[in-house]
């Protein structure tokens, strides 16, 4: 009887859990830190719903570590030449883990993104600029 009561409480908790991110998941066995710490590859990049990402002309990789560090590499093809830029720094959750801030080692200010989706193999982040343009980045894990 005691186990049945505990099981009922657990089921009630799982199905009534508040979803932190607008596109899910409602429940995960992994912590948010364990889910965000990964090697990510940009899959899509949109501005106000318009796709701006050309997988044939650019590549962006983002490596987020559990120790609070990150590295990002952007590779583009311009005039038939590959051009690469890299960034390194620290990251942290903000606003009750609903946002993530990246602080580049070369910058004094961090860039904060709203987390829209955080799964083990998918990360979607959003930023709204001062003109209310909405930028979405969707990454998949390698």
N, C-alpha and C. Protein backbone atom coordinates (compact mmCIF):
# COMPACT_ATOMS: atom_id res chain seq x y z
N UNK A 1 0.82 -1.19 0.00
CA UNK A 1 0.00 0.00 0.00
C UNK A 1 0.88 1.26 0.00
N UNK A 2 1.91 1.23 0.81
CA UNK A 2 2.81 2.38 0.90
C UNK A 2 3.48 2.63 -0.45
N UNK A 3 3.90 1.58 -1.15
CA UNK A 3 4.57 1.74 -2.44
C UNK A 3 3.59 2.24 -3.51
N UNK A 4 2.36 1.80 -3.43
CA UNK A 4 1.35 2.25 -4.38
C UNK A 4 1.13 3.76 -4.23
N UNK A 5 1.10 4.24 -3.00
CA UNK A 5 0.95 5.67 -2.73
C UNK A 5 2.13 6.46 -3.28
N UNK A 6 3.35 5.99 -3.04
CA UNK A 6 4.54 6.66 -3.56
C UNK A 6 4.57 6.64 -5.08
N UNK A 7 4.19 5.52 -5.66
CA UNK A 7 4.14 5.42 -7.12
C UNK A 7 3.12 6.41 -7.68
N UNK A 8 1.97 6.54 -7.04
CA UNK A 8 0.94 7.48 -7.48
C UNK A 8 1.44 8.91 -7.41
N UNK A 9 2.15 9.25 -6.34
CA UNK A 9 2.73 10.59 -6.22
C UNK A 9 3.75 10.86 -7.32
N UNK A 10 4.57 9.87 -7.61
CA UNK A 10 5.57 10.01 -8.66
C UNK A 10 4.92 10.24 -10.02
N UNK A 11 3.91 9.45 -10.35
CA UNK A 11 3.20 9.60 -11.62
C UNK A 11 2.53 10.97 -11.68
N UNK A 12 1.91 11.40 -10.62
CA UNK A 12 1.27 12.71 -10.57
C UNK A 12 2.30 13.81 -10.80
N UNK A 13 3.44 13.70 -10.18
CA UNK A 13 4.51 14.69 -10.35
C UNK A 13 5.00 14.73 -11.79
N UNK A 14 5.21 13.58 -12.38
CA UNK A 14 5.72 13.53 -13.75
C UNK A 14 4.75 14.13 -14.76
N UNK A 15 3.48 13.86 -14.61
CA UNK A 15 2.51 14.35 -15.58
C UNK A 15 2.08 15.78 -15.32
N UNK A 16 2.35 16.29 -14.15
CA UNK A 16 1.99 17.68 -13.88
C UNK A 16 3.20 18.59 -13.88
N UNK A 17 4.35 18.08 -14.29
CA UNK A 17 5.58 18.88 -14.28
C UNK A 17 5.45 20.06 -15.24
N UNK A 18 5.93 21.18 -14.80
CA UNK A 18 5.91 22.38 -15.62
C UNK A 18 7.06 22.32 -16.61
N UNK A 19 6.76 22.64 -17.86
CA UNK A 19 7.76 22.60 -18.90
C UNK A 19 8.53 23.92 -18.91
N UNK A 20 9.82 23.88 -18.69
CA UNK A 20 10.65 25.07 -18.64
C UNK A 20 10.79 25.71 -20.01
N UNK A 21 10.89 24.92 -21.06
CA UNK A 21 11.14 25.43 -22.40
C UNK A 21 9.91 25.26 -23.27
N UNK A 22 9.66 26.25 -24.13
CA UNK A 22 8.40 26.27 -24.89
C UNK A 22 8.23 25.08 -25.83
N UNK A 23 9.32 24.48 -26.29
CA UNK A 23 9.20 23.34 -27.20
C UNK A 23 9.63 22.02 -26.53
N UNK A 24 9.64 21.96 -25.21
CA UNK A 24 9.87 20.70 -24.51
C UNK A 24 11.32 20.44 -24.18
N UNK A 25 11.63 19.31 -23.62
CA UNK A 25 10.74 18.25 -23.15
C UNK A 25 10.19 18.57 -21.76
N UNK A 26 9.07 17.95 -21.44
CA UNK A 26 8.45 18.16 -20.13
C UNK A 26 9.22 17.44 -19.04
N UNK A 27 9.90 16.36 -19.40
CA UNK A 27 10.62 15.56 -18.40
C UNK A 27 11.85 14.95 -19.04
N UNK A 28 12.94 14.91 -18.30
CA UNK A 28 14.16 14.27 -18.75
C UNK A 28 14.91 13.70 -17.55
N UNK A 29 15.52 12.57 -17.75
CA UNK A 29 16.33 11.99 -16.68
C UNK A 29 17.68 12.70 -16.56
N UNK A 30 18.09 13.38 -17.63
CA UNK A 30 19.35 14.12 -17.61
C UNK A 30 19.12 15.53 -17.08
N UNK A 31 20.10 16.07 -16.38
CA UNK A 31 20.01 17.45 -15.92
C UNK A 31 20.16 18.39 -17.11
N UNK A 32 19.78 19.63 -16.93
CA UNK A 32 19.93 20.62 -18.00
C UNK A 32 21.39 20.78 -18.38
N UNK A 33 22.26 20.78 -17.38
CA UNK A 33 23.69 20.92 -17.64
C UNK A 33 24.21 19.73 -18.45
N UNK A 34 23.74 18.53 -18.14
CA UNK A 34 24.17 17.34 -18.88
C UNK A 34 23.65 17.37 -20.32
N UNK A 35 22.46 17.95 -20.52
CA UNK A 35 21.91 18.02 -21.88
C UNK A 35 22.58 19.09 -22.72
N UNK A 36 22.94 20.23 -22.11
CA UNK A 36 23.53 21.31 -22.91
C UNK A 36 25.01 21.07 -23.18
N UNK A 37 25.68 20.32 -22.32
CA UNK A 37 27.10 20.03 -22.52
C UNK A 37 27.24 18.99 -23.62
N UNK A 38 27.67 19.43 -24.81
CA UNK A 38 27.74 18.55 -25.96
C UNK A 38 28.53 19.23 -27.06
N UNK A 39 28.78 18.51 -28.13
CA UNK A 39 29.38 19.07 -29.34
C UNK A 39 28.24 19.27 -30.33
N UNK A 40 27.93 20.51 -30.64
CA UNK A 40 26.78 20.87 -31.44
C UNK A 40 27.19 21.36 -32.83
N UNK A 41 26.36 21.07 -33.81
CA UNK A 41 26.55 21.55 -35.18
C UNK A 41 25.29 22.30 -35.58
N UNK A 42 25.46 23.51 -36.12
CA UNK A 42 24.31 24.31 -36.53
C UNK A 42 23.57 23.63 -37.65
N UNK A 43 22.26 23.48 -37.47
CA UNK A 43 21.41 22.87 -38.48
C UNK A 43 20.58 23.91 -39.21
N UNK A 44 20.12 24.94 -38.48
CA UNK A 44 19.36 26.00 -39.13
C UNK A 44 19.52 27.30 -38.35
N UNK A 45 19.37 28.39 -39.08
CA UNK A 45 19.47 29.73 -38.52
C UNK A 45 18.42 30.58 -39.23
N UNK A 46 17.49 31.15 -38.46
CA UNK A 46 16.42 31.94 -39.06
C UNK A 46 16.33 33.32 -38.44
N UNK A 47 15.83 34.26 -39.24
CA UNK A 47 15.50 35.60 -38.75
C UNK A 47 14.03 35.82 -39.08
N UNK A 48 13.23 36.02 -38.05
CA UNK A 48 11.78 36.20 -38.21
C UNK A 48 11.16 35.10 -39.06
N UNK A 49 11.64 33.87 -38.89
CA UNK A 49 11.09 32.72 -39.59
C UNK A 49 11.68 32.47 -40.97
N UNK A 50 12.52 33.37 -41.47
CA UNK A 50 13.14 33.20 -42.79
C UNK A 50 14.49 32.52 -42.62
N UNK A 51 14.69 31.40 -43.31
CA UNK A 51 15.93 30.64 -43.19
C UNK A 51 17.09 31.40 -43.82
N UNK A 52 18.16 31.61 -43.05
CA UNK A 52 19.34 32.31 -43.52
C UNK A 52 20.57 31.40 -43.61
N UNK A 53 20.40 30.13 -43.29
CA UNK A 53 21.54 29.21 -43.20
C UNK A 53 21.71 28.45 -44.51
N UNK A 54 22.92 28.46 -45.04
CA UNK A 54 23.28 27.71 -46.24
C UNK A 54 24.33 26.67 -45.85
N UNK A 55 23.92 25.43 -45.70
CA UNK A 55 24.82 24.37 -45.25
C UNK A 55 25.96 24.13 -46.23
N UNK A 56 25.81 24.54 -47.49
CA UNK A 56 26.88 24.36 -48.47
C UNK A 56 27.94 25.45 -48.38
N UNK A 57 27.61 26.59 -47.77
CA UNK A 57 28.53 27.72 -47.74
C UNK A 57 29.08 28.01 -46.34
N UNK A 58 28.49 27.42 -45.32
CA UNK A 58 28.96 27.71 -43.98
C UNK A 58 28.77 26.52 -43.04
N UNK A 59 29.56 26.54 -41.99
CA UNK A 59 29.48 25.52 -40.95
C UNK A 59 29.77 26.20 -39.62
N UNK A 60 28.98 25.88 -38.63
CA UNK A 60 29.22 26.40 -37.29
C UNK A 60 29.17 25.26 -36.29
N UNK A 61 30.22 25.14 -35.51
CA UNK A 61 30.30 24.12 -34.47
C UNK A 61 30.41 24.81 -33.12
N UNK A 62 29.69 24.29 -32.16
CA UNK A 62 29.67 24.84 -30.81
C UNK A 62 29.92 23.70 -29.83
N UNK A 63 30.96 23.83 -29.04
CA UNK A 63 31.28 22.82 -28.04
C UNK A 63 31.07 23.42 -26.66
N UNK A 64 30.12 22.87 -25.92
CA UNK A 64 29.80 23.36 -24.58
C UNK A 64 30.23 22.30 -23.58
N UNK A 65 31.03 22.71 -22.63
CA UNK A 65 31.57 21.78 -21.62
C UNK A 65 30.85 21.96 -20.29
N UNK A 66 30.79 20.88 -19.50
CA UNK A 66 30.15 20.93 -18.18
C UNK A 66 30.88 21.86 -17.21
N UNK A 67 32.17 22.10 -17.45
CA UNK A 67 32.95 22.94 -16.54
C UNK A 67 32.69 24.43 -16.72
N UNK A 68 31.74 24.79 -17.63
CA UNK A 68 31.39 26.19 -17.82
C UNK A 68 32.15 26.89 -18.93
N UNK A 69 32.86 26.14 -19.76
CA UNK A 69 33.58 26.73 -20.88
C UNK A 69 32.91 26.34 -22.19
N UNK A 70 33.20 27.12 -23.24
CA UNK A 70 32.68 26.79 -24.56
C UNK A 70 33.69 27.21 -25.62
N UNK A 71 33.55 26.63 -26.79
CA UNK A 71 34.31 27.08 -27.96
C UNK A 71 33.38 27.01 -29.15
N UNK A 72 33.56 27.95 -30.07
CA UNK A 72 32.73 28.03 -31.26
C UNK A 72 33.63 28.26 -32.46
N UNK A 73 33.37 27.53 -33.54
CA UNK A 73 34.13 27.68 -34.77
C UNK A 73 33.15 27.92 -35.91
N UNK A 74 33.39 28.98 -36.66
CA UNK A 74 32.56 29.30 -37.83
C UNK A 74 33.44 29.18 -39.06
N UNK A 75 32.97 28.41 -40.04
CA UNK A 75 33.70 28.23 -41.30
C UNK A 75 32.77 28.64 -42.43
N UNK A 76 33.22 29.57 -43.25
CA UNK A 76 32.43 30.01 -44.40
C UNK A 76 33.28 29.90 -45.66
N UNK A 77 32.61 29.76 -46.78
CA UNK A 77 33.27 29.78 -48.08
C UNK A 77 32.98 31.12 -48.72
N UNK A 78 34.03 31.89 -48.96
CA UNK A 78 33.89 33.20 -49.58
C UNK A 78 34.87 33.29 -50.75
N UNK A 79 34.36 33.54 -51.92
CA UNK A 79 35.18 33.63 -53.14
C UNK A 79 36.03 32.38 -53.34
N UNK A 80 35.43 31.23 -53.02
CA UNK A 80 36.12 29.96 -53.22
C UNK A 80 37.15 29.62 -52.15
N UNK A 81 37.27 30.46 -51.14
CA UNK A 81 38.25 30.24 -50.07
C UNK A 81 37.52 29.96 -48.75
N UNK A 82 38.08 29.05 -47.97
CA UNK A 82 37.54 28.77 -46.64
C UNK A 82 38.09 29.79 -45.66
N UNK A 83 37.20 30.37 -44.87
CA UNK A 83 37.60 31.31 -43.82
C UNK A 83 37.03 30.82 -42.50
N UNK A 84 37.88 30.79 -41.49
CA UNK A 84 37.49 30.24 -40.20
C UNK A 84 37.73 31.26 -39.09
N UNK A 85 36.77 31.37 -38.17
CA UNK A 85 36.94 32.18 -36.97
C UNK A 85 36.55 31.32 -35.77
N UNK A 86 37.27 31.51 -34.69
CA UNK A 86 37.00 30.72 -33.47
C UNK A 86 36.83 31.66 -32.29
N UNK A 87 35.97 31.24 -31.38
CA UNK A 87 35.72 31.98 -30.15
C UNK A 87 35.79 31.02 -28.98
N UNK A 88 36.28 31.52 -27.85
CA UNK A 88 36.40 30.71 -26.64
C UNK A 88 35.92 31.55 -25.47
N UNK A 89 35.37 30.90 -24.47
CA UNK A 89 34.93 31.65 -23.31
C UNK A 89 34.21 30.78 -22.31
N UNK A 90 33.33 31.44 -21.56
CA UNK A 90 32.57 30.74 -20.52
C UNK A 90 31.08 30.89 -20.81
N UNK A 91 30.31 29.98 -20.24
CA UNK A 91 28.87 30.02 -20.39
C UNK A 91 28.23 29.80 -19.02
N UNK A 92 26.98 30.25 -18.88
CA UNK A 92 26.25 30.02 -17.63
C UNK A 92 24.75 30.09 -17.91
N UNK A 93 23.99 29.37 -17.10
CA UNK A 93 22.54 29.48 -17.15
C UNK A 93 22.14 30.76 -16.45
N UNK A 94 21.06 31.38 -16.92
CA UNK A 94 20.52 32.58 -16.32
C UNK A 94 19.00 32.42 -16.19
N UNK A 95 18.38 33.28 -15.40
CA UNK A 95 16.93 33.34 -15.30
C UNK A 95 16.31 31.97 -15.02
N UNK A 96 16.74 31.35 -13.94
CA UNK A 96 16.24 30.03 -13.53
C UNK A 96 16.43 28.98 -14.62
N UNK A 97 17.56 29.02 -15.30
CA UNK A 97 17.97 28.09 -16.35
C UNK A 97 17.09 28.16 -17.59
N UNK A 98 16.36 29.26 -17.77
CA UNK A 98 15.56 29.46 -18.98
C UNK A 98 16.36 30.14 -20.08
N UNK A 99 17.54 30.65 -19.73
CA UNK A 99 18.42 31.33 -20.68
C UNK A 99 19.85 30.86 -20.48
N UNK A 100 20.65 31.04 -21.53
CA UNK A 100 22.07 30.72 -21.44
C UNK A 100 22.85 31.94 -21.94
N UNK A 101 23.92 32.27 -21.22
CA UNK A 101 24.77 33.40 -21.58
C UNK A 101 26.15 32.90 -21.94
N UNK A 102 26.66 33.37 -23.08
CA UNK A 102 28.01 33.05 -23.53
C UNK A 102 28.87 34.30 -23.41
N UNK A 103 30.00 34.18 -22.72
CA UNK A 103 30.92 35.30 -22.52
C UNK A 103 32.23 34.95 -23.23
N UNK A 104 32.45 35.61 -24.37
CA UNK A 104 33.67 35.43 -25.15
C UNK A 104 34.86 35.99 -24.37
N UNK A 105 36.01 35.30 -24.41
CA UNK A 105 37.20 35.76 -23.70
C UNK A 105 37.67 37.13 -24.18
N UNK A 106 37.32 37.50 -25.41
CA UNK A 106 37.75 38.77 -25.99
C UNK A 106 36.76 39.90 -25.74
N UNK A 107 35.66 39.63 -25.07
CA UNK A 107 34.59 40.62 -24.91
C UNK A 107 34.34 40.91 -23.43
N UNK A 108 33.82 42.09 -23.18
CA UNK A 108 33.45 42.47 -21.82
C UNK A 108 31.99 42.17 -21.51
N UNK A 109 31.20 41.95 -22.56
CA UNK A 109 29.78 41.67 -22.38
C UNK A 109 29.44 40.29 -22.91
N UNK A 110 28.55 39.61 -22.21
CA UNK A 110 28.08 38.31 -22.67
C UNK A 110 26.87 38.47 -23.58
N UNK A 111 26.56 37.41 -24.30
CA UNK A 111 25.39 37.37 -25.17
C UNK A 111 24.44 36.33 -24.58
N UNK A 112 23.20 36.75 -24.33
CA UNK A 112 22.21 35.88 -23.69
C UNK A 112 21.17 35.44 -24.70
N UNK A 113 20.83 34.15 -24.65
CA UNK A 113 19.85 33.55 -25.53
C UNK A 113 18.77 32.88 -24.68
N UNK A 114 17.54 32.96 -25.13
CA UNK A 114 16.45 32.20 -24.52
C UNK A 114 16.54 30.77 -25.03
N UNK A 115 16.44 29.80 -24.14
CA UNK A 115 16.44 28.40 -24.54
C UNK A 115 15.01 28.01 -24.91
N UNK A 116 14.82 27.62 -26.16
CA UNK A 116 13.50 27.23 -26.64
C UNK A 116 13.31 25.73 -26.52
N UNK A 117 14.37 24.98 -26.83
CA UNK A 117 14.33 23.52 -26.79
C UNK A 117 15.68 23.01 -26.33
N UNK A 118 15.68 22.11 -25.37
CA UNK A 118 16.92 21.51 -24.88
C UNK A 118 16.68 20.02 -24.66
N UNK A 119 17.10 19.24 -25.65
CA UNK A 119 17.06 17.79 -25.56
C UNK A 119 18.48 17.28 -25.62
N UNK A 120 18.65 16.00 -25.43
CA UNK A 120 19.97 15.38 -25.44
C UNK A 120 20.69 15.61 -26.77
N UNK A 121 19.97 15.64 -27.88
CA UNK A 121 20.58 15.76 -29.21
C UNK A 121 20.11 16.99 -29.99
N UNK A 122 19.30 17.86 -29.38
CA UNK A 122 18.79 19.05 -30.06
C UNK A 122 18.80 20.24 -29.11
N UNK A 123 19.30 21.37 -29.61
CA UNK A 123 19.32 22.62 -28.86
C UNK A 123 18.80 23.72 -29.77
N UNK A 124 17.78 24.45 -29.29
CA UNK A 124 17.27 25.60 -30.05
C UNK A 124 17.28 26.80 -29.12
N UNK A 125 17.97 27.86 -29.57
CA UNK A 125 18.07 29.08 -28.78
C UNK A 125 17.55 30.26 -29.60
N UNK A 126 17.10 31.30 -28.88
CA UNK A 126 16.49 32.46 -29.54
C UNK A 126 17.05 33.75 -28.95
N UNK A 127 17.17 34.73 -29.83
CA UNK A 127 17.57 36.07 -29.40
C UNK A 127 16.70 37.08 -30.13
N UNK A 128 16.21 38.06 -29.40
CA UNK A 128 15.43 39.14 -29.99
C UNK A 128 16.27 40.41 -29.88
N UNK A 129 16.51 41.08 -31.04
CA UNK A 129 17.35 42.26 -31.01
C UNK A 129 16.54 43.51 -30.68
N UNK A 130 17.19 44.66 -30.67
CA UNK A 130 16.56 45.91 -30.27
C UNK A 130 15.49 46.37 -31.26
N UNK A 131 15.46 45.82 -32.48
CA UNK A 131 14.42 46.11 -33.46
C UNK A 131 13.29 45.08 -33.43
N UNK A 132 13.30 44.22 -32.41
CA UNK A 132 12.34 43.13 -32.23
C UNK A 132 12.42 42.06 -33.32
N UNK A 133 13.55 41.97 -34.01
CA UNK A 133 13.78 40.86 -34.93
C UNK A 133 14.12 39.63 -34.09
N UNK A 134 13.55 38.48 -34.47
CA UNK A 134 13.74 37.24 -33.72
C UNK A 134 14.67 36.32 -34.50
N UNK A 135 15.78 35.95 -33.87
CA UNK A 135 16.76 35.05 -34.47
C UNK A 135 16.71 33.72 -33.73
N UNK A 136 16.59 32.63 -34.48
CA UNK A 136 16.58 31.28 -33.91
C UNK A 136 17.75 30.47 -34.47
N UNK A 137 18.47 29.79 -33.59
CA UNK A 137 19.54 28.87 -33.97
C UNK A 137 19.13 27.48 -33.51
N UNK A 138 19.18 26.51 -34.39
CA UNK A 138 18.90 25.12 -34.03
C UNK A 138 20.14 24.30 -34.28
N UNK A 139 20.61 23.64 -33.23
CA UNK A 139 21.81 22.81 -33.28
C UNK A 139 21.43 21.35 -33.08
N UNK A 140 22.20 20.47 -33.67
CA UNK A 140 22.06 19.04 -33.40
C UNK A 140 23.40 18.54 -32.86
N UNK A 141 23.33 17.53 -32.02
CA UNK A 141 24.55 16.97 -31.43
C UNK A 141 25.24 16.06 -32.43
N UNK A 142 26.56 16.09 -32.42
CA UNK A 142 27.35 15.24 -33.31
C UNK A 142 27.23 13.78 -32.93
